[in-house]
Amino acid sequence: MIDFFEKQMEAEGQINASKKWLPSCSFLDDTAAAILSISQMRPGIYMIDSNKKWNFFEIASALNKKHGNKWKVKATDDFIFDQRMIDERLQVPGLKQRLKSLD
């Protein structure tokens, strides 16, 4: 996501972030831990997602704050989609634990 934000700032001068998009996302080390956990479980399809309730604008704003407020994040309503893939069988830390700057 950080790479995407950097490229958007370079290309557009701002990051357009929808308040109506709930993306599926997790931090890499949380994803790796979940994959390790899955390797000890029964074979099957598992979904790894840390996003319980955050929209893309909230995530972008929190990451911006965490990384020194170097991007211009603009709230939009132009993309409406709930992409979350919560799997109750997995214990993945929520974004709230990682991005304490909002909520």
PDB file of N, CA and C in Angstrom:
ATOM      1  N   MET A   1       0.822  -1.174   0.000  1.00  0.00           N
ATOM      2  CA  MET A   1       0.000   0.000   0.000  1.00  0.00           C
ATOM      3  C   MET A   1       0.877   1.253   0.000  1.00  0.00           C
ATOM      4  N   ILE A   2       1.974   1.196   0.745  1.00  0.00           N
ATOM      5  CA  ILE A   2       2.876   2.348   0.817  1.00  0.00           C
ATOM      6  C   ILE A   2       3.422   2.675  -0.571  1.00  0.00           C
ATOM      7  N   ASP A   3       3.812   1.655  -1.313  1.00  0.00           N
ATOM      8  CA  ASP A   3       4.314   1.852  -2.666  1.00  0.00           C
ATOM      9  C   ASP A   3       3.232   2.492  -3.541  1.00  0.00           C
ATOM     10  N   PHE A   4       1.996   2.026  -3.414  1.00  0.00           N
ATOM     11  CA  PHE A   4       0.880   2.608  -4.163  1.00  0.00           C
ATOM     12  C   PHE A   4       0.724   4.094  -3.826  1.00  0.00           C
ATOM     13  N   PHE A   5       0.783   4.428  -2.532  1.00  0.00           N
ATOM     14  CA  PHE A   5       0.633   5.828  -2.124  1.00  0.00           C
ATOM     15  C   PHE A   5       1.756   6.693  -2.697  1.00  0.00           C
ATOM     16  N   GLU A   6       2.971   6.191  -2.627  1.00  0.00           N
ATOM     17  CA  GLU A   6       4.108   6.943  -3.181  1.00  0.00           C
ATOM     18  C   GLU A   6       3.915   7.204  -4.676  1.00  0.00           C
ATOM     19  N   LYS A   7       3.490   6.184  -5.403  1.00  0.00           N
ATOM     20  CA  LYS A   7       3.284   6.333  -6.852  1.00  0.00           C
ATOM     21  C   LYS A   7       2.123   7.268  -7.160  1.00  0.00           C
ATOM     22  N   GLN A   8       1.057   7.212  -6.372  1.00  0.00           N
ATOM     23  CA  GLN A   8      -0.084   8.116  -6.564  1.00  0.00           C
ATOM     24  C   GLN A   8       0.321   9.567  -6.321  1.00  0.00           C
ATOM     25  N   MET A   9       1.096   9.805  -5.295  1.00  0.00           N
ATOM     26  CA  MET A   9       1.556  11.162  -5.017  1.00  0.00           C
ATOM     27  C   MET A   9       2.420  11.680  -6.153  1.00  0.00           C
ATOM     28  N   GLU A  10       3.280  10.839  -6.665  1.00  0.00           N
ATOM     29  CA  GLU A  10       4.155  11.240  -7.768  1.00  0.00           C
ATOM     30  C   GLU A  10       3.346  11.523  -9.037  1.00  0.00           C
ATOM     31  N   ALA A  11       2.369  10.678  -9.322  1.00  0.00           N
ATOM     32  CA  ALA A  11       1.590  10.814 -10.558  1.00  0.00           C
ATOM     33  C   ALA A  11       0.475  11.853 -10.464  1.00  0.00           C
ATOM     34  N   GLU A  12      -0.215  11.912  -9.310  1.00  0.00           N
ATOM     35  CA  GLU A  12      -1.422  12.730  -9.186  1.00  0.00           C
ATOM     36  C   GLU A  12      -1.282  13.922  -8.237  1.00  0.00           C
ATOM     37  N   GLY A  13      -0.281  13.894  -7.383  1.00  0.00           N
ATOM     38  CA  GLY A  13      -0.127  14.961  -6.404  1.00  0.00           C
ATOM     39  C   GLY A  13      -1.037  14.807  -5.196  1.00  0.00           C
ATOM     40  N   GLN A  14      -1.803  13.731  -5.159  1.00  0.00           N
ATOM     41  CA  GLN A  14      -2.671  13.419  -4.021  1.00  0.00           C
ATOM     42  C   GLN A  14      -3.102  11.963  -4.114  1.00  0.00           C
ATOM     43  N   ILE A  15      -3.635  11.473  -3.016  1.00  0.00           N
ATOM     44  CA  ILE A  15      -4.168  10.112  -2.965  1.00  0.00           C
ATOM     45  C   ILE A  15      -5.673  10.229  -2.796  1.00  0.00           C
ATOM     46  N   ASN A  16      -6.416   9.784  -3.791  1.00  0.00           N
ATOM     47  CA  ASN A  16      -7.871   9.744  -3.696  1.00  0.00           C
ATOM     48  C   ASN A  16      -8.249   8.455  -2.989  1.00  0.00           C
ATOM     49  N   ALA A  17      -8.910   8.585  -1.850  1.00  0.00           N
ATOM     50  CA  ALA A  17      -9.193   7.427  -1.000  1.00  0.00           C
ATOM     51  C   ALA A  17     -10.684   7.379  -0.663  1.00  0.00           C
ATOM     52  N   SER A  18     -11.347   6.369  -1.156  1.00  0.00           N
ATOM     53  CA  SER A  18     -12.794   6.250  -0.962  1.00  0.00           C
ATOM     54  C   SER A  18     -13.153   5.901   0.480  1.00  0.00           C
ATOM     55  N   LYS A  19     -14.165   6.597   0.988  1.00  0.00           N
ATOM     56  CA  LYS A  19     -14.713   6.294   2.305  1.00  0.00           C
ATOM     57  C   LYS A  19     -15.725   5.153   2.223  1.00  0.00           C
ATOM     58  N   LYS A  20     -16.017   4.704   0.996  1.00  0.00           N
ATOM     59  CA  LYS A  20     -17.022   3.653   0.815  1.00  0.00           C
ATOM     60  C   LYS A  20     -16.397   2.337   0.348  1.00  0.00           C
ATOM     61  N   TRP A  21     -15.067   2.265   0.416  1.00  0.00           N
ATOM     62  CA  TRP A  21     -14.370   1.026   0.062  1.00  0.00           C
ATOM     63  C   TRP A  21     -13.796   0.440   1.353  1.00  0.00           C
ATOM     64  N   LEU A  22     -14.150  -0.788   1.640  1.00  0.00           N
ATOM     65  CA  LEU A  22     -13.611  -1.525   2.786  1.00  0.00           C
ATOM     66  C   LEU A  22     -12.686  -2.603   2.218  1.00  0.00           C
ATOM     67  N   PRO A  23     -11.386  -2.285   2.104  1.00  0.00           N
ATOM     68  CA  PRO A  23     -10.474  -3.249   1.475  1.00  0.00           C
ATOM     69  C   PRO A  23     -10.084  -4.397   2.401  1.00  0.00           C
ATOM     70  N   SER A  24      -9.791  -5.508   1.798  1.00  0.00           N
ATOM     71  CA  SER A  24      -9.192  -6.619   2.514  1.00  0.00           C
ATOM     72  C   SER A  24      -7.706  -6.310   2.624  1.00  0.00           C
ATOM     73  N   CYS A  25      -7.171  -6.286   3.834  1.00  0.00           N
ATOM     74  CA  CYS A  25      -5.746  -5.989   3.984  1.00  0.00           C
ATOM     75  C   CYS A  25      -5.250  -6.462   5.343  1.00  0.00           C
ATOM     76  N   SER A  26      -3.957  -6.709   5.396  1.00  0.00           N
ATOM     77  CA  SER A  26      -3.268  -7.105   6.616  1.00  0.00           C
ATOM     78  C   SER A  26      -1.816  -6.684   6.489  1.00  0.00           C
ATOM     79  N   PHE A  27      -1.169  -6.487   7.612  1.00  0.00           N
ATOM     80  CA  PHE A  27       0.261  -6.224   7.588  1.00  0.00           C
ATOM     81  C   PHE A  27       0.989  -7.519   7.244  1.00  0.00           C
ATOM     82  N   LEU A  28       2.116  -7.396   6.572  1.00  0.00           N
ATOM     83  CA  LEU A  28       2.835  -8.554   6.052  1.00  0.00           C
ATOM     84  C   LEU A  28       3.220  -9.543   7.150  1.00  0.00           C
ATOM     85  N   ASP A  29       3.716  -9.071   8.275  1.00  0.00           N
ATOM     86  CA  ASP A  29       4.120 -10.023   9.314  1.00  0.00           C
ATOM     87  C   ASP A  29       2.906 -10.719   9.933  1.00  0.00           C
ATOM     88  N   ASP A  30       1.745 -10.057   9.987  1.00  0.00           N
ATOM     89  CA  ASP A  30       0.524 -10.711  10.457  1.00  0.00           C
ATOM     90  C   ASP A  30       0.056 -11.767   9.457  1.00  0.00           C
ATOM     91  N   THR A  31       0.191 -11.447   8.172  1.00  0.00           N
ATOM     92  CA  THR A  31      -0.173 -12.405   7.119  1.00  0.00           C
ATOM     93  C   THR A  31       0.727 -13.635   7.191  1.00  0.00           C
ATOM     94  N   ALA A  32       2.034 -13.415   7.354  1.00  0.00           N
ATOM     95  CA  ALA A  32       2.980 -14.537   7.444  1.00  0.00           C
ATOM     96  C   ALA A  32       2.668 -15.422   8.651  1.00  0.00           C
ATOM     97  N   ALA A  33       2.353 -14.808   9.781  1.00  0.00           N
ATOM     98  CA  ALA A  33       2.010 -15.582  10.978  1.00  0.00           C
ATOM     99  C   ALA A  33       0.733 -16.392  10.750  1.00  0.00           C
ATOM    100  N   ALA A  34      -0.235 -15.800  10.057  1.00  0.00           N
ATOM    101  CA  ALA A  34      -1.485 -16.514   9.767  1.00  0.00           C
ATOM    102  C   ALA A  34      -1.228 -17.694   8.826  1.00  0.00           C
ATOM    103  N   ILE A  35      -0.369 -17.500   7.845  1.00  0.00           N
ATOM    104  CA  ILE A  35      -0.039 -18.593   6.922  1.00  0.00           C
ATOM    105  C   ILE A  35       0.641 -19.736   7.684  1.00  0.00           C
ATOM    106  N   LEU A  36       1.539 -19.398   8.587  1.00  0.00           N
ATOM    107  CA  LEU A  36       2.184 -20.421   9.413  1.00  0.00           C
ATOM    108  C   LEU A  36       1.147 -21.169  10.242  1.00  0.00           C
ATOM    109  N   SER A  37       0.209 -20.447  10.807  1.00  0.00           N
ATOM    110  CA  SER A  37      -0.868 -21.058  11.589  1.00  0.00           C
ATOM    111  C   SER A  37      -1.716 -21.988  10.718  1.00  0.00           C
ATOM    112  N   ILE A  38      -2.016 -21.544   9.512  1.00  0.00           N
ATOM    113  CA  ILE A  38      -2.824 -22.342   8.587  1.00  0.00           C
ATOM    114  C   ILE A  38      -2.122 -23.653   8.242  1.00  0.00           C
ATOM    115  N   SER A  39      -0.788 -23.616   8.178  1.00  0.00           N
ATOM    116  CA  SER A  39      -0.038 -24.832   7.819  1.00  0.00           C
ATOM    117  C   SER A  39      -0.243 -25.941   8.847  1.00  0.00           C
ATOM    118  N   GLN A  40      -0.699 -25.592  10.054  1.00  0.00           N
ATOM    119  CA  GLN A  40      -0.945 -26.576  11.102  1.00  0.00           C
ATOM    120  C   GLN A  40      -2.421 -26.984  11.187  1.00  0.00           C
ATOM    121  N   MET A  41      -3.238 -26.417  10.313  1.00  0.00           N
ATOM    122  CA  MET A  41      -4.683 -26.678  10.348  1.00  0.00           C
ATOM    123  C   MET A  41      -5.069 -27.681   9.263  1.00  0.00           C
ATOM    124  N   ARG A  42      -6.323 -28.060   9.287  1.00  0.00           N
ATOM    125  CA  ARG A  42      -6.833 -28.971   8.252  1.00  0.00           C
ATOM    126  C   ARG A  42      -6.738 -28.311   6.885  1.00  0.00           C
ATOM    127  N   PRO A  43      -6.470 -29.076   5.837  1.00  0.00           N
ATOM    128  CA  PRO A  43      -6.445 -28.507   4.484  1.00  0.00           C
ATOM    129  C   PRO A  43      -7.784 -27.838   4.173  1.00  0.00           C
ATOM    130  N   GLY A  44      -7.728 -26.758   3.456  1.00  0.00           N
ATOM    131  CA  GLY A  44      -8.942 -26.044   3.093  1.00  0.00           C
ATOM    132  C   GLY A  44      -8.625 -24.658   2.581  1.00  0.00           C
ATOM    133  N   ILE A  45      -9.648 -23.871   2.413  1.00  0.00           N
ATOM    134  CA  ILE A  45      -9.511 -22.498   1.949  1.00  0.00           C
ATOM    135  C   ILE A  45      -9.665 -21.582   3.165  1.00  0.00           C
ATOM    136  N   TYR A  46      -8.694 -20.709   3.346  1.00  0.00           N
ATOM    137  CA  TYR A  46      -8.699 -19.768   4.463  1.00  0.00           C
ATOM    138  C   TYR A  46      -8.532 -18.353   3.924  1.00  0.00           C
ATOM    139  N   MET A  47      -9.131 -17.401   4.594  1.00  0.00           N
ATOM    140  CA  MET A  47      -9.039 -16.006   4.184  1.00  0.00           C
ATOM    141  C   MET A  47      -8.365 -15.201   5.298  1.00  0.00           C
ATOM    142  N   ILE A  48      -7.312 -14.484   4.934  1.00  0.00           N
ATOM    143  CA  ILE A  48      -6.547 -13.704   5.909  1.00  0.00           C
ATOM    144  C   ILE A  48      -6.887 -12.234   5.713  1.00  0.00           C
ATOM    145  N   ASP A  49      -7.398 -11.596   6.750  1.00  0.00           N
ATOM    146  CA  ASP A  49      -7.790 -10.192   6.655  1.00  0.00           C
ATOM    147  C   ASP A  49      -7.800  -9.572   8.044  1.00  0.00           C
ATOM    148  N   SER A  50      -7.176  -8.419   8.188  1.00  0.00           N
ATOM    149  CA  SER A  50      -7.144  -7.701   9.462  1.00  0.00           C
ATOM    150  C   SER A  50      -8.200  -6.606   9.549  1.00  0.00           C
ATOM    151  N   ASN A  51      -8.866  -6.322   8.439  1.00  0.00           N
ATOM    152  CA  ASN A  51      -9.770  -5.171   8.402  1.00  0.00           C
ATOM    153  C   ASN A  51     -11.168  -5.520   8.893  1.00  0.00           C
ATOM    154  N   LYS A  52     -11.444  -5.147  10.120  1.00  0.00           N
ATOM    155  CA  LYS A  52     -12.772  -5.398  10.692  1.00  0.00           C
ATOM    156  C   LYS A  52     -13.773  -4.314  10.305  1.00  0.00           C
ATOM    157  N   LYS A  53     -13.301  -3.043  10.134  1.00  0.00           N
ATOM    158  CA  LYS A  53     -14.267  -1.976   9.882  1.00  0.00           C
ATOM    159  C   LYS A  53     -13.710  -0.739   9.184  1.00  0.00           C
ATOM    160  N   TRP A  54     -12.434  -0.678   8.878  1.00  0.00           N
ATOM    161  CA  TRP A  54     -11.813   0.545   8.369  1.00  0.00           C
ATOM    162  C   TRP A  54     -12.030   0.718   6.872  1.00  0.00           C
ATOM    163  N   ASN A  55     -12.383   1.942   6.463  1.00  0.00           N
ATOM    164  CA  ASN A  55     -12.486   2.223   5.032  1.00  0.00           C
ATOM    165  C   ASN A  55     -11.116   2.679   4.515  1.00  0.00           C
ATOM    166  N   PHE A  56     -11.000   2.770   3.202  1.00  0.00           N
ATOM    167  CA  PHE A  56      -9.704   3.064   2.593  1.00  0.00           C
ATOM    168  C   PHE A  56      -9.184   4.442   2.994  1.00  0.00           C
ATOM    169  N   PHE A  57     -10.066   5.416   3.121  1.00  0.00           N
ATOM    170  CA  PHE A  57      -9.648   6.745   3.551  1.00  0.00           C
ATOM    171  C   PHE A  57      -9.066   6.695   4.968  1.00  0.00           C
ATOM    172  N   GLU A  58      -9.705   5.982   5.875  1.00  0.00           N
ATOM    173  CA  GLU A  58      -9.196   5.862   7.249  1.00  0.00           C
ATOM    174  C   GLU A  58      -7.840   5.160   7.273  1.00  0.00           C
ATOM    175  N   ILE A  59      -7.705   4.115   6.480  1.00  0.00           N
ATOM    176  CA  ILE A  59      -6.433   3.386   6.418  1.00  0.00           C
ATOM    177  C   ILE A  59      -5.339   4.286   5.852  1.00  0.00           C
ATOM    178  N   ALA A  60      -5.636   4.957   4.738  1.00  0.00           N
ATOM    179  CA  ALA A  60      -4.647   5.849   4.115  1.00  0.00           C
ATOM    180  C   ALA A  60      -4.249   6.976   5.065  1.00  0.00           C
ATOM    181  N   SER A  61      -5.215   7.546   5.772  1.00  0.00           N
ATOM    182  CA  SER A  61      -4.935   8.629   6.715  1.00  0.00           C
ATOM    183  C   SER A  61      -4.076   8.145   7.879  1.00  0.00           C
ATOM    184  N   ALA A  62      -4.392   6.966   8.402  1.00  0.00           N
ATOM    185  CA  ALA A  62      -3.609   6.410   9.519  1.00  0.00           C
ATOM    186  C   ALA A  62      -2.190   6.075   9.078  1.00  0.00           C
ATOM    187  N   LEU A  63      -2.040   5.488   7.890  1.00  0.00           N
ATOM    188  CA  LEU A  63      -0.700   5.177   7.385  1.00  0.00           C
ATOM    189  C   LEU A  63       0.070   6.463   7.106  1.00  0.00           C
ATOM    190  N   ASN A  64      -0.629   7.482   6.621  1.00  0.00           N
ATOM    191  CA  ASN A  64       0.015   8.770   6.386  1.00  0.00           C
ATOM    192  C   ASN A  64       0.561   9.335   7.693  1.00  0.00           C
ATOM    193  N   LYS A  65      -0.245   9.305   8.739  1.00  0.00           N
ATOM    194  CA  LYS A  65       0.197   9.800  10.047  1.00  0.00           C
ATOM    195  C   LYS A  65       1.383   8.981  10.564  1.00  0.00           C
ATOM    196  N   LYS A  66       1.282   7.665  10.412  1.00  0.00           N
ATOM    197  CA  LYS A  66       2.339   6.756  10.885  1.00  0.00           C
ATOM    198  C   LYS A  66       3.655   6.987  10.142  1.00  0.00           C
ATOM    199  N   HIS A  67       3.566   7.454   8.883  1.00  0.00           N
ATOM    200  CA  HIS A  67       4.765   7.650   8.060  1.00  0.00           C
ATOM    201  C   HIS A  67       5.112   9.125   7.874  1.00  0.00           C
ATOM    202  N   GLY A  68       4.703   9.981   8.809  1.00  0.00           N
ATOM    203  CA  GLY A  68       5.170  11.364   8.818  1.00  0.00           C
ATOM    204  C   GLY A  68       4.339  12.368   8.051  1.00  0.00           C
ATOM    205  N   ASN A  69       3.095  12.053   7.759  1.00  0.00           N
ATOM    206  CA  ASN A  69       2.200  12.978   7.051  1.00  0.00           C
ATOM    207  C   ASN A  69       2.827  13.545   5.779  1.00  0.00           C
ATOM    208  N   LYS A  70       3.352  12.665   4.948  1.00  0.00           N
ATOM    209  CA  LYS A  70       4.015  13.122   3.731  1.00  0.00           C
ATOM    210  C   LYS A  70       3.135  13.070   2.485  1.00  0.00           C
ATOM    211  N   TRP A  71       1.910  12.579   2.620  1.00  0.00           N
ATOM    212  CA  TRP A  71       1.012  12.500   1.471  1.00  0.00           C
ATOM    213  C   TRP A  71      -0.206  13.387   1.681  1.00  0.00           C
ATOM    214  N   LYS A  72      -0.805  13.817   0.585  1.00  0.00           N
ATOM    215  CA  LYS A  72      -2.072  14.540   0.634  1.00  0.00           C
ATOM    216  C   LYS A  72      -3.165  13.506   0.347  1.00  0.00           C
ATOM    217  N   VAL A  73      -3.949  13.175   1.371  1.00  0.00           N
ATOM    218  CA  VAL A  73      -4.993  12.160   1.248  1.00  0.00           C
ATOM    219  C   VAL A  73      -6.345  12.859   1.139  1.00  0.00           C
ATOM    220  N   LYS A  74      -7.039  12.638   0.029  1.00  0.00           N
ATOM    221  CA  LYS A  74      -8.332  13.271  -0.222  1.00  0.00           C
ATOM    222  C   LYS A  74      -9.443  12.219  -0.132  1.00  0.00           C
ATOM    223  N   ALA A  75     -10.448  12.497   0.703  1.00  0.00           N
ATOM    224  CA  ALA A  75     -11.594  11.593   0.847  1.00  0.00           C
ATOM    225  C   ALA A  75     -12.488  11.680  -0.380  1.00  0.00           C
ATOM    226  N   THR A  76     -12.918  10.520  -0.869  1.00  0.00           N
ATOM    227  CA  THR A  76     -13.868  10.458  -1.977  1.00  0.00           C
ATOM    228  C   THR A  76     -14.943   9.432  -1.632  1.00  0.00           C
ATOM    229  N   ASP A  77     -15.957   9.387  -2.454  1.00  0.00           N
ATOM    230  CA  ASP A  77     -17.011   8.366  -2.359  1.00  0.00           C
ATOM    231  C   ASP A  77     -17.130   7.619  -3.681  1.00  0.00           C
ATOM    232  N   ASP A  78     -16.085   7.682  -4.507  1.00  0.00           N
ATOM    233  CA  ASP A  78     -16.198   7.203  -5.885  1.00  0.00           C
ATOM    234  C   ASP A  78     -16.063   5.698  -6.076  1.00  0.00           C
ATOM    235  N   PHE A  79     -15.606   4.967  -5.085  1.00  0.00           N
ATOM    236  CA  PHE A  79     -15.499   3.512  -5.238  1.00  0.00           C
ATOM    237  C   PHE A  79     -16.212   2.871  -4.057  1.00  0.00           C
ATOM    238  N   ILE A  80     -17.238   2.106  -4.337  1.00  0.00           N
ATOM    239  CA  ILE A  80     -18.051   1.490  -3.291  1.00  0.00           C
ATOM    240  C   ILE A  80     -17.897  -0.019  -3.398  1.00  0.00           C
ATOM    241  N   PHE A  81     -17.234  -0.606  -2.372  1.00  0.00           N
ATOM    242  CA  PHE A  81     -17.016  -2.047  -2.419  1.00  0.00           C
ATOM    243  C   PHE A  81     -16.575  -2.539  -1.042  1.00  0.00           C
ATOM    244  N   ASP A  82     -17.161  -3.627  -0.600  1.00  0.00           N
ATOM    245  CA  ASP A  82     -16.735  -4.283   0.633  1.00  0.00           C
ATOM    246  C   ASP A  82     -15.953  -5.517   0.228  1.00  0.00           C
ATOM    247  N   GLN A  83     -14.646  -5.435   0.332  1.00  0.00           N
ATOM    248  CA  GLN A  83     -13.741  -6.478  -0.142  1.00  0.00           C
ATOM    249  C   GLN A  83     -13.236  -7.364   0.990  1.00  0.00           C
ATOM    250  N   ARG A  84     -13.663  -7.093   2.218  1.00  0.00           N
ATOM    251  CA  ARG A  84     -13.131  -7.815   3.371  1.00  0.00           C
ATOM    252  C   ARG A  84     -13.427  -9.309   3.283  1.00  0.00           C
ATOM    253  N   MET A  85     -12.510 -10.096   3.840  1.00  0.00           N
ATOM    254  CA  MET A  85     -12.619 -11.554   3.819  1.00  0.00           C
ATOM    255  C   MET A  85     -12.307 -12.097   5.206  1.00  0.00           C
ATOM    256  N   ILE A  86     -13.164 -11.807   6.150  1.00  0.00           N
ATOM    257  CA  ILE A  86     -12.934 -12.212   7.532  1.00  0.00           C
ATOM    258  C   ILE A  86     -13.190 -13.715   7.680  1.00  0.00           C
ATOM    259  N   ASP A  87     -12.238 -14.404   8.256  1.00  0.00           N
ATOM    260  CA  ASP A  87     -12.349 -15.838   8.503  1.00  0.00           C
ATOM    261  C   ASP A  87     -12.211 -16.046  10.003  1.00  0.00           C
ATOM    262  N   GLU A  88     -13.294 -16.383  10.646  1.00  0.00           N
ATOM    263  CA  GLU A  88     -13.319 -16.502  12.108  1.00  0.00           C
ATOM    264  C   GLU A  88     -12.404 -17.618  12.636  1.00  0.00           C
ATOM    265  N   ARG A  89     -11.960 -18.515  11.774  1.00  0.00           N
ATOM    266  CA  ARG A  89     -11.065 -19.591  12.212  1.00  0.00           C
ATOM    267  C   ARG A  89      -9.651 -19.092  12.481  1.00  0.00           C
ATOM    268  N   LEU A  90      -9.326 -17.914  11.964  1.00  0.00           N
ATOM    269  CA  LEU A  90      -7.980 -17.370  12.114  1.00  0.00           C
ATOM    270  C   LEU A  90      -7.995 -16.191  13.081  1.00  0.00           C
ATOM    271  N   GLN A  91      -6.971 -16.096  13.881  1.00  0.00           N
ATOM    272  CA  GLN A  91      -6.823 -14.985  14.822  1.00  0.00           C
ATOM    273  C   GLN A  91      -5.764 -14.031  14.271  1.00  0.00           C
ATOM    274  N   VAL A  92      -6.202 -13.093  13.447  1.00  0.00           N
ATOM    275  CA  VAL A  92      -5.303 -12.108  12.851  1.00  0.00           C
ATOM    276  C   VAL A  92      -5.503 -10.785  13.603  1.00  0.00           C
ATOM    277  N   PRO A  93      -4.426 -10.158  14.083  1.00  0.00           N
ATOM    278  CA  PRO A  93      -4.593  -8.874  14.780  1.00  0.00           C
ATOM    279  C   PRO A  93      -5.311  -7.865  13.881  1.00  0.00           C
ATOM    280  N   GLY A  94      -6.245  -7.136  14.447  1.00  0.00           N
ATOM    281  CA  GLY A  94      -6.985  -6.141  13.688  1.00  0.00           C
ATOM    282  C   GLY A  94      -6.141  -4.918  13.372  1.00  0.00           C
ATOM    283  N   LEU A  95      -6.567  -4.168  12.373  1.00  0.00           N
ATOM    284  CA  LEU A  95      -5.861  -2.947  12.002  1.00  0.00           C
ATOM    285  C   LEU A  95      -5.806  -1.954  13.160  1.00  0.00           C
ATOM    286  N   LYS A  96      -6.809  -1.965  14.006  1.00  0.00           N
ATOM    287  CA  LYS A  96      -6.845  -1.033  15.141  1.00  0.00           C
ATOM    288  C   LYS A  96      -5.592  -1.179  16.002  1.00  0.00           C
ATOM    289  N   GLN A  97      -5.124  -2.407  16.172  1.00  0.00           N
ATOM    290  CA  GLN A  97      -3.911  -2.645  16.962  1.00  0.00           C
ATOM    291  C   GLN A  97      -2.678  -2.070  16.291  1.00  0.00           C
ATOM    292  N   ARG A  98      -2.669  -2.047  14.965  1.00  0.00           N
ATOM    293  CA  ARG A  98      -1.505  -1.589  14.219  1.00  0.00           C
ATOM    294  C   ARG A  98      -1.547  -0.104  13.895  1.00  0.00           C
ATOM    295  N   LEU A  99      -2.757   0.413  13.729  1.00  0.00           N
ATOM    296  CA  LEU A  99      -2.934   1.816  13.336  1.00  0.00           C
ATOM    297  C   LEU A  99      -3.741   2.550  14.399  1.00  0.00           C
ATOM    298  N   LYS A 100      -3.119   2.836  15.498  1.00  0.00           N
ATOM    299  CA  LYS A 100      -3.823   3.412  16.645  1.00  0.00           C
ATOM    300  C   LYS A 100      -4.126   4.898  16.475  1.00  0.00           C
ATOM    301  N   SER A 101      -3.744   5.481  15.350  1.00  0.00           N
ATOM    302  CA  SER A 101      -3.925   6.920  15.175  1.00  0.00           C
ATOM    303  C   SER A 101      -5.389   7.308  14.908  1.00  0.00           C
ATOM    304  N   LEU A 102      -6.202   6.363  14.514  1.00  0.00           N
ATOM    305  CA  LEU A 102      -7.631   6.625  14.294  1.00  0.00           C
ATOM    306  C   LEU A 102      -8.446   5.645  15.112  1.00  0.00           C
ATOM    307  N   ASP A 103      -9.696   5.963  15.283  1.00  0.00           N
ATOM    308  CA  ASP A 103     -10.704   5.110  15.921  1.00  0.00           C
ATOM    309  C   ASP A 103     -11.191   5.656  17.212  1.00  0.00           C
TER     310      ASP A 103
END
